[in-house]
Amino acid sequence: YGTNFSLVKLLGDTMPEGISLTIRFALAALVTLPWLFEGEIFDDTSGEINRDVLMATWLGFEVGLWNSIGYVAQAVGLETTQASK
């Protein structure tokens, strides 16, 4: 957990925050992508959309959005704050 702040600070020193965040989230998306399509979207018996899988996918996207906002705020804060404060 603690190494995350150091990594974000180092990345912020070497490249713009937007690019480093894009790389980090693209890598995380690639790693977790197989689990996105693990559940059956359509029910085998009725052919209707499986609402549980659809809701879990939607909630996962929402959590990811809030997580992204948090990381952007963290990167901006680390960029604008000195290490001694």
PDB file of N, CA and C in Angstrom:
ATOM      1  N   TYR A   1       0.827  -1.189   0.000  1.00  0.00           N
ATOM      2  CA  TYR A   1       0.000   0.000   0.000  1.00  0.00           C
ATOM      3  C   TYR A   1       0.869   1.250   0.000  1.00  0.00           C
ATOM      4  N   GLY A   2       1.865   1.328   0.843  1.00  0.00           N
ATOM      5  CA  GLY A   2       2.688   2.522   0.969  1.00  0.00           C
ATOM      6  C   GLY A   2       3.538   2.813  -0.250  1.00  0.00           C
ATOM      7  N   THR A   3       3.892   1.785  -1.010  1.00  0.00           N
ATOM      8  CA  THR A   3       4.708   2.010  -2.201  1.00  0.00           C
ATOM      9  C   THR A   3       3.921   2.693  -3.312  1.00  0.00           C
ATOM     10  N   ASN A   4       2.603   2.659  -3.253  1.00  0.00           N
ATOM     11  CA  ASN A   4       1.792   3.281  -4.275  1.00  0.00           C
ATOM     12  C   ASN A   4       2.064   4.778  -4.370  1.00  0.00           C
ATOM     13  N   PHE A   5       2.187   5.456  -3.236  1.00  0.00           N
ATOM     14  CA  PHE A   5       2.411   6.896  -3.248  1.00  0.00           C
ATOM     15  C   PHE A   5       3.771   7.238  -3.858  1.00  0.00           C
ATOM     16  N   SER A   6       4.774   6.455  -3.507  1.00  0.00           N
ATOM     17  CA  SER A   6       6.107   6.684  -4.072  1.00  0.00           C
ATOM     18  C   SER A   6       6.109   6.452  -5.574  1.00  0.00           C
ATOM     19  N   LEU A   7       5.421   5.412  -6.008  1.00  0.00           N
ATOM     20  CA  LEU A   7       5.351   5.113  -7.434  1.00  0.00           C
ATOM     21  C   LEU A   7       4.641   6.227  -8.193  1.00  0.00           C
ATOM     22  N   VAL A   8       3.534   6.708  -7.658  1.00  0.00           N
ATOM     23  CA  VAL A   8       2.805   7.798  -8.313  1.00  0.00           C
ATOM     24  C   VAL A   8       3.670   9.051  -8.374  1.00  0.00           C
ATOM     25  N   LYS A   9       4.395   9.346  -7.314  1.00  0.00           N
ATOM     26  CA  LYS A   9       5.278  10.516  -7.291  1.00  0.00           C
ATOM     27  C   LYS A   9       6.386  10.373  -8.328  1.00  0.00           C
ATOM     28  N   LEU A  10       7.001   9.190  -8.422  1.00  0.00           N
ATOM     29  CA  LEU A  10       8.053   8.973  -9.417  1.00  0.00           C
ATOM     30  C   LEU A  10       7.510   9.079 -10.838  1.00  0.00           C
ATOM     31  N   LEU A  11       6.346   8.488 -11.074  1.00  0.00           N
ATOM     32  CA  LEU A  11       5.750   8.589 -12.408  1.00  0.00           C
ATOM     33  C   LEU A  11       5.394  10.026 -12.748  1.00  0.00           C
ATOM     34  N   GLY A  12       4.925  10.779 -11.745  1.00  0.00           N
ATOM     35  CA  GLY A  12       4.589  12.182 -11.967  1.00  0.00           C
ATOM     36  C   GLY A  12       5.802  13.022 -12.304  1.00  0.00           C
ATOM     37  N   ASP A  13       6.978  12.604 -11.817  1.00  0.00           N
ATOM     38  CA  ASP A  13       8.202  13.334 -12.129  1.00  0.00           C
ATOM     39  C   ASP A  13       8.726  13.017 -13.522  1.00  0.00           C
ATOM     40  N   THR A  14       8.405  11.847 -14.051  1.00  0.00           N
ATOM     41  CA  THR A  14       8.958  11.434 -15.338  1.00  0.00           C
ATOM     42  C   THR A  14       8.005  11.625 -16.521  1.00  0.00           C
ATOM     43  N   MET A  15       6.707  11.683 -16.262  1.00  0.00           N
ATOM     44  CA  MET A  15       5.745  11.849 -17.363  1.00  0.00           C
ATOM     45  C   MET A  15       4.505  12.560 -16.838  1.00  0.00           C
ATOM     46  N   PRO A  16       3.696  13.126 -17.737  1.00  0.00           N
ATOM     47  CA  PRO A  16       2.463  13.796 -17.295  1.00  0.00           C
ATOM     48  C   PRO A  16       1.508  12.826 -16.594  1.00  0.00           C
ATOM     49  N   GLU A  17       0.722  13.362 -15.660  1.00  0.00           N
ATOM     50  CA  GLU A  17      -0.182  12.526 -14.873  1.00  0.00           C
ATOM     51  C   GLU A  17      -1.178  11.776 -15.747  1.00  0.00           C
ATOM     52  N   GLY A  18      -1.673  12.430 -16.778  1.00  0.00           N
ATOM     53  CA  GLY A  18      -2.654  11.787 -17.651  1.00  0.00           C
ATOM     54  C   GLY A  18      -2.121  10.536 -18.309  1.00  0.00           C
ATOM     55  N   ILE A  19      -0.890  10.595 -18.768  1.00  0.00           N
ATOM     56  CA  ILE A  19      -0.287   9.434 -19.422  1.00  0.00           C
ATOM     57  C   ILE A  19      -0.016   8.326 -18.415  1.00  0.00           C
ATOM     58  N   SER A  20       0.528   8.685 -17.247  1.00  0.00           N
ATOM     59  CA  SER A  20       0.823   7.651 -16.252  1.00  0.00           C
ATOM     60  C   SER A  20      -0.454   6.997 -15.742  1.00  0.00           C
ATOM     61  N   LEU A  21      -1.516   7.777 -15.554  1.00  0.00           N
ATOM     62  CA  LEU A  21      -2.793   7.192 -15.128  1.00  0.00           C
ATOM     63  C   LEU A  21      -3.379   6.294 -16.213  1.00  0.00           C
ATOM     64  N   THR A  22      -3.250   6.715 -17.463  1.00  0.00           N
ATOM     65  CA  THR A  22      -3.749   5.892 -18.564  1.00  0.00           C
ATOM     66  C   THR A  22      -3.024   4.557 -18.614  1.00  0.00           C
ATOM     67  N   ILE A  23      -1.719   4.584 -18.446  1.00  0.00           N
ATOM     68  CA  ILE A  23      -0.943   3.338 -18.456  1.00  0.00           C
ATOM     69  C   ILE A  23      -1.341   2.444 -17.285  1.00  0.00           C
ATOM     70  N   ARG A  24      -1.468   3.017 -16.088  1.00  0.00           N
ATOM     71  CA  ARG A  24      -1.811   2.227 -14.905  1.00  0.00           C
ATOM     72  C   ARG A  24      -3.196   1.593 -15.028  1.00  0.00           C
ATOM     73  N   PHE A  25      -4.177   2.378 -15.479  1.00  0.00           N
ATOM     74  CA  PHE A  25      -5.531   1.840 -15.572  1.00  0.00           C
ATOM     75  C   PHE A  25      -5.696   0.896 -16.753  1.00  0.00           C
ATOM     76  N   ALA A  26      -4.971   1.126 -17.836  1.00  0.00           N
ATOM     77  CA  ALA A  26      -5.022   0.186 -18.964  1.00  0.00           C
ATOM     78  C   ALA A  26      -4.452  -1.162 -18.552  1.00  0.00           C
ATOM     79  N   LEU A  27      -3.360  -1.139 -17.794  1.00  0.00           N
ATOM     80  CA  LEU A  27      -2.781  -2.386 -17.312  1.00  0.00           C
ATOM     81  C   LEU A  27      -3.740  -3.102 -16.363  1.00  0.00           C
ATOM     82  N   ALA A  28      -4.358  -2.353 -15.461  1.00  0.00           N
ATOM     83  CA  ALA A  28      -5.323  -2.960 -14.539  1.00  0.00           C
ATOM     84  C   ALA A  28      -6.532  -3.513 -15.289  1.00  0.00           C
ATOM     85  N   ALA A  29      -6.980  -2.807 -16.324  1.00  0.00           N
ATOM     86  CA  ALA A  29      -8.121  -3.283 -17.111  1.00  0.00           C
ATOM     87  C   ALA A  29      -7.780  -4.571 -17.850  1.00  0.00           C
ATOM     88  N   LEU A  30      -6.585  -4.649 -18.401  1.00  0.00           N
ATOM     89  CA  LEU A  30      -6.184  -5.867 -19.100  1.00  0.00           C
ATOM     90  C   LEU A  30      -6.109  -7.062 -18.159  1.00  0.00           C
ATOM     91  N   VAL A  31      -5.623  -6.831 -16.948  1.00  0.00           N
ATOM     92  CA  VAL A  31      -5.491  -7.921 -15.989  1.00  0.00           C
ATOM     93  C   VAL A  31      -6.864  -8.418 -15.533  1.00  0.00           C
ATOM     94  N   THR A  32      -7.822  -7.527 -15.353  1.00  0.00           N
ATOM     95  CA  THR A  32      -9.137  -7.910 -14.824  1.00  0.00           C
ATOM     96  C   THR A  32     -10.178  -8.182 -15.909  1.00  0.00           C
ATOM     97  N   LEU A  33      -9.837  -7.983 -17.158  1.00  0.00           N
ATOM     98  CA  LEU A  33     -10.802  -8.169 -18.248  1.00  0.00           C
ATOM     99  C   LEU A  33     -11.409  -9.574 -18.319  1.00  0.00           C
ATOM    100  N   PRO A  34     -10.661 -10.635 -18.082  1.00  0.00           N
ATOM    101  CA  PRO A  34     -11.284 -11.970 -18.161  1.00  0.00           C
ATOM    102  C   PRO A  34     -12.454 -12.161 -17.196  1.00  0.00           C
ATOM    103  N   TRP A  35     -12.423 -11.513 -16.042  1.00  0.00           N
ATOM    104  CA  TRP A  35     -13.512 -11.656 -15.080  1.00  0.00           C
ATOM    105  C   TRP A  35     -14.758 -10.878 -15.484  1.00  0.00           C
ATOM    106  N   LEU A  36     -14.605  -9.906 -16.366  1.00  0.00           N
ATOM    107  CA  LEU A  36     -15.762  -9.124 -16.806  1.00  0.00           C
ATOM    108  C   LEU A  36     -16.731  -9.993 -17.589  1.00  0.00           C
ATOM    109  N   PHE A  37     -16.223 -10.883 -18.397  1.00  0.00           N
ATOM    110  CA  PHE A  37     -17.076 -11.705 -19.255  1.00  0.00           C
ATOM    111  C   PHE A  37     -17.215 -13.134 -18.741  1.00  0.00           C
ATOM    112  N   GLU A  38     -16.924 -13.350 -17.460  1.00  0.00           N
ATOM    113  CA  GLU A  38     -16.989 -14.689 -16.902  1.00  0.00           C
ATOM    114  C   GLU A  38     -18.424 -15.192 -16.771  1.00  0.00           C
ATOM    115  N   GLY A  39     -19.344 -14.351 -16.358  1.00  0.00           N
ATOM    116  CA  GLY A  39     -20.732 -14.763 -16.160  1.00  0.00           C
ATOM    117  C   GLY A  39     -21.503 -14.810 -17.466  1.00  0.00           C
ATOM    118  N   GLU A  40     -22.545 -15.601 -17.484  1.00  0.00           N
ATOM    119  CA  GLU A  40     -23.404 -15.690 -18.658  1.00  0.00           C
ATOM    120  C   GLU A  40     -24.330 -14.475 -18.696  1.00  0.00           C
ATOM    121  N   ILE A  41     -24.243 -13.691 -19.742  1.00  0.00           N
ATOM    122  CA  ILE A  41     -25.075 -12.492 -19.849  1.00  0.00           C
ATOM    123  C   ILE A  41     -26.529 -12.870 -20.107  1.00  0.00           C
ATOM    124  N   PHE A  42     -26.735 -13.887 -20.915  1.00  0.00           N
ATOM    125  CA  PHE A  42     -28.099 -14.332 -21.211  1.00  0.00           C
ATOM    126  C   PHE A  42     -28.391 -15.627 -20.469  1.00  0.00           C
ATOM    127  N   ASP A  43     -29.577 -15.716 -19.913  1.00  0.00           N
ATOM    128  CA  ASP A  43     -30.015 -16.912 -19.198  1.00  0.00           C
ATOM    129  C   ASP A  43     -30.253 -18.025 -20.219  1.00  0.00           C
ATOM    130  N   ASP A  44     -29.737 -19.217 -19.921  1.00  0.00           N
ATOM    131  CA  ASP A  44     -29.843 -20.334 -20.864  1.00  0.00           C
ATOM    132  C   ASP A  44     -31.279 -20.828 -21.039  1.00  0.00           C
ATOM    133  N   THR A  45     -32.066 -20.786 -19.982  1.00  0.00           N
ATOM    134  CA  THR A  45     -33.413 -21.353 -20.059  1.00  0.00           C
ATOM    135  C   THR A  45     -34.415 -20.407 -20.711  1.00  0.00           C
ATOM    136  N   SER A  46     -34.400 -19.140 -20.320  1.00  0.00           N
ATOM    137  CA  SER A  46     -35.404 -18.216 -20.847  1.00  0.00           C
ATOM    138  C   SER A  46     -34.885 -17.340 -21.974  1.00  0.00           C
ATOM    139  N   GLY A  47     -33.575 -17.203 -22.115  1.00  0.00           N
ATOM    140  CA  GLY A  47     -33.012 -16.358 -23.154  1.00  0.00           C
ATOM    141  C   GLY A  47     -33.008 -14.881 -22.788  1.00  0.00           C
ATOM    142  N   GLU A  48     -33.477 -14.555 -21.590  1.00  0.00           N
ATOM    143  CA  GLU A  48     -33.506 -13.154 -21.157  1.00  0.00           C
ATOM    144  C   GLU A  48     -32.145 -12.760 -20.584  1.00  0.00           C
ATOM    145  N   ILE A  49     -31.969 -11.459 -20.451  1.00  0.00           N
ATOM    146  CA  ILE A  49     -30.723 -10.940 -19.894  1.00  0.00           C
ATOM    147  C   ILE A  49     -30.645 -11.295 -18.415  1.00  0.00           C
ATOM    148  N   ASN A  50     -29.507 -11.828 -18.001  1.00  0.00           N
ATOM    149  CA  ASN A  50     -29.275 -12.153 -16.600  1.00  0.00           C
ATOM    150  C   ASN A  50     -29.020 -10.844 -15.844  1.00  0.00           C
ATOM    151  N   ARG A  51     -29.998 -10.410 -15.093  1.00  0.00           N
ATOM    152  CA  ARG A  51     -29.916  -9.108 -14.420  1.00  0.00           C
ATOM    153  C   ARG A  51     -28.839  -9.067 -13.344  1.00  0.00           C
ATOM    154  N   ASP A  52     -28.546 -10.195 -12.715  1.00  0.00           N
ATOM    155  CA  ASP A  52     -27.491 -10.214 -11.695  1.00  0.00           C
ATOM    156  C   ASP A  52     -26.127  -9.903 -12.307  1.00  0.00           C
ATOM    157  N   VAL A  53     -25.831 -10.514 -13.434  1.00  0.00           N
ATOM    158  CA  VAL A  53     -24.555 -10.266 -14.102  1.00  0.00           C
ATOM    159  C   VAL A  53     -24.506  -8.839 -14.618  1.00  0.00           C
ATOM    160  N   LEU A  54     -25.601  -8.370 -15.178  1.00  0.00           N
ATOM    161  CA  LEU A  54     -25.658  -7.005 -15.679  1.00  0.00           C
ATOM    162  C   LEU A  54     -25.471  -5.997 -14.553  1.00  0.00           C
ATOM    163  N   MET A  55     -26.116  -6.218 -13.416  1.00  0.00           N
ATOM    164  CA  MET A  55     -25.993  -5.306 -12.275  1.00  0.00           C
ATOM    165  C   MET A  55     -24.576  -5.346 -11.702  1.00  0.00           C
ATOM    166  N   ALA A  56     -23.981  -6.529 -11.596  1.00  0.00           N
ATOM    167  CA  ALA A  56     -22.614  -6.638 -11.077  1.00  0.00           C
ATOM    168  C   ALA A  56     -21.625  -5.918 -11.995  1.00  0.00           C
ATOM    169  N   THR A  57     -21.830  -6.041 -13.298  1.00  0.00           N
ATOM    170  CA  THR A  57     -20.964  -5.349 -14.253  1.00  0.00           C
ATOM    171  C   THR A  57     -21.114  -3.847 -14.120  1.00  0.00           C
ATOM    172  N   TRP A  58     -22.342  -3.373 -14.032  1.00  0.00           N
ATOM    173  CA  TRP A  58     -22.592  -1.941 -13.901  1.00  0.00           C
ATOM    174  C   TRP A  58     -21.984  -1.398 -12.605  1.00  0.00           C
ATOM    175  N   LEU A  59     -22.180  -2.107 -11.501  1.00  0.00           N
ATOM    176  CA  LEU A  59     -21.624  -1.657 -10.225  1.00  0.00           C
ATOM    177  C   LEU A  59     -20.093  -1.693 -10.250  1.00  0.00           C
ATOM    178  N   GLY A  60     -19.522  -2.648 -10.945  1.00  0.00           N
ATOM    179  CA  GLY A  60     -18.071  -2.683 -11.090  1.00  0.00           C
ATOM    180  C   GLY A  60     -17.545  -1.477 -11.847  1.00  0.00           C
ATOM    181  N   PHE A  61     -18.261  -1.073 -12.903  1.00  0.00           N
ATOM    182  CA  PHE A  61     -17.871   0.135 -13.625  1.00  0.00           C
ATOM    183  C   PHE A  61     -17.990   1.372 -12.742  1.00  0.00           C
ATOM    184  N   GLU A  62     -19.022   1.412 -11.905  1.00  0.00           N
ATOM    185  CA  GLU A  62     -19.198   2.554 -11.009  1.00  0.00           C
ATOM    186  C   GLU A  62     -18.071   2.627  -9.975  1.00  0.00           C
ATOM    187  N   VAL A  63     -17.722   1.489  -9.398  1.00  0.00           N
ATOM    188  CA  VAL A  63     -16.613   1.463  -8.444  1.00  0.00           C
ATOM    189  C   VAL A  63     -15.320   1.891  -9.134  1.00  0.00           C
ATOM    190  N   GLY A  64     -15.109   1.425 -10.347  1.00  0.00           N
ATOM    191  CA  GLY A  64     -13.924   1.823 -11.104  1.00  0.00           C
ATOM    192  C   GLY A  64     -13.885   3.312 -11.387  1.00  0.00           C
ATOM    193  N   LEU A  65     -15.041   3.906 -11.655  1.00  0.00           N
ATOM    194  CA  LEU A  65     -15.098   5.347 -11.891  1.00  0.00           C
ATOM    195  C   LEU A  65     -14.680   6.118 -10.648  1.00  0.00           C
ATOM    196  N   TRP A  66     -15.250   5.745  -9.494  1.00  0.00           N
ATOM    197  CA  TRP A  66     -14.893   6.431  -8.247  1.00  0.00           C
ATOM    198  C   TRP A  66     -13.426   6.202  -7.891  1.00  0.00           C
ATOM    199  N   ASN A  67     -12.938   5.013  -8.153  1.00  0.00           N
ATOM    200  CA  ASN A  67     -11.528   4.714  -7.909  1.00  0.00           C
ATOM    201  C   ASN A  67     -10.634   5.571  -8.800  1.00  0.00           C
ATOM    202  N   SER A  68     -11.021   5.725 -10.054  1.00  0.00           N
ATOM    203  CA  SER A  68     -10.257   6.567 -10.980  1.00  0.00           C
ATOM    204  C   SER A  68     -10.222   8.011 -10.511  1.00  0.00           C
ATOM    205  N   ILE A  69     -11.362   8.514 -10.060  1.00  0.00           N
ATOM    206  CA  ILE A  69     -11.411   9.888  -9.555  1.00  0.00           C
ATOM    207  C   ILE A  69     -10.478  10.037  -8.358  1.00  0.00           C
ATOM    208  N   GLY A  70     -10.452   9.045  -7.488  1.00  0.00           N
ATOM    209  CA  GLY A  70      -9.555   9.085  -6.334  1.00  0.00           C
ATOM    210  C   GLY A  70      -8.094   9.098  -6.739  1.00  0.00           C
ATOM    211  N   TYR A  71      -7.729   8.292  -7.727  1.00  0.00           N
ATOM    212  CA  TYR A  71      -6.335   8.254  -8.169  1.00  0.00           C
ATOM    213  C   TYR A  71      -5.934   9.554  -8.861  1.00  0.00           C
ATOM    214  N   VAL A  72      -6.848  10.136  -9.628  1.00  0.00           N
ATOM    215  CA  VAL A  72      -6.543  11.430 -10.251  1.00  0.00           C
ATOM    216  C   VAL A  72      -6.322  12.486  -9.180  1.00  0.00           C
ATOM    217  N   ALA A  73      -7.188  12.507  -8.168  1.00  0.00           N
ATOM    218  CA  ALA A  73      -7.027  13.468  -7.081  1.00  0.00           C
ATOM    219  C   ALA A  73      -5.718  13.228  -6.335  1.00  0.00           C
ATOM    220  N   GLN A  74      -5.350  11.967  -6.140  1.00  0.00           N
ATOM    221  CA  GLN A  74      -4.088  11.634  -5.483  1.00  0.00           C
ATOM    222  C   GLN A  74      -2.906  12.131  -6.298  1.00  0.00           C
ATOM    223  N   ALA A  75      -2.936  11.896  -7.605  1.00  0.00           N
ATOM    224  CA  ALA A  75      -1.818  12.314  -8.455  1.00  0.00           C
ATOM    225  C   ALA A  75      -1.682  13.831  -8.467  1.00  0.00           C
ATOM    226  N   VAL A  76      -2.788  14.536  -8.547  1.00  0.00           N
ATOM    227  CA  VAL A  76      -2.750  15.998  -8.521  1.00  0.00           C
ATOM    228  C   VAL A  76      -2.233  16.481  -7.173  1.00  0.00           C
ATOM    229  N   GLY A  77      -2.696  15.863  -6.081  1.00  0.00           N
ATOM    230  CA  GLY A  77      -2.222  16.241  -4.754  1.00  0.00           C
ATOM    231  C   GLY A  77      -0.744  15.998  -4.571  1.00  0.00           C
ATOM    232  N   LEU A  78      -0.245  14.862  -5.064  1.00  0.00           N
ATOM    233  CA  LEU A  78       1.188  14.581  -4.951  1.00  0.00           C
ATOM    234  C   LEU A  78       2.016  15.501  -5.828  1.00  0.00           C
ATOM    235  N   GLU A  79       1.434  15.944  -6.912  1.00  0.00           N
ATOM    236  CA  GLU A  79       2.144  16.867  -7.813  1.00  0.00           C
ATOM    237  C   GLU A  79       2.259  18.254  -7.184  1.00  0.00           C
ATOM    238  N   THR A  80       1.271  18.652  -6.429  1.00  0.00           N
ATOM    239  CA  THR A  80       1.236  20.011  -5.893  1.00  0.00           C
ATOM    240  C   THR A  80       1.705  20.117  -4.452  1.00  0.00           C
ATOM    241  N   THR A  81       2.040  19.005  -3.804  1.00  0.00           N
ATOM    242  CA  THR A  81       2.471  19.017  -2.412  1.00  0.00           C
ATOM    243  C   THR A  81       3.947  18.623  -2.320  1.00  0.00           C
ATOM    244  N   GLN A  82       4.686  19.332  -1.497  1.00  0.00           N
ATOM    245  CA  GLN A  82       6.088  18.987  -1.287  1.00  0.00           C
ATOM    246  C   GLN A  82       6.202  17.775  -0.382  1.00  0.00           C
ATOM    247  N   ALA A  83       7.286  17.041  -0.505  1.00  0.00           N
ATOM    248  CA  ALA A  83       7.462  15.814   0.274  1.00  0.00           C
ATOM    249  C   ALA A  83       7.585  16.081   1.772  1.00  0.00           C
ATOM    250  N   SER A  84       8.049  17.251   2.143  1.00  0.00           N
ATOM    251  CA  SER A  84       8.266  17.549   3.567  1.00  0.00           C
ATOM    252  C   SER A  84       6.998  17.977   4.297  1.00  0.00           C
ATOM    253  N   LYS A  85       5.894  18.176   3.590  1.00  0.00           N
ATOM    254  CA  LYS A  85       4.675  18.674   4.244  1.00  0.00           C
ATOM    255  C   LYS A  85       3.678  17.578   4.456  1.00  0.00           C
TER     256      LYS A  85
END
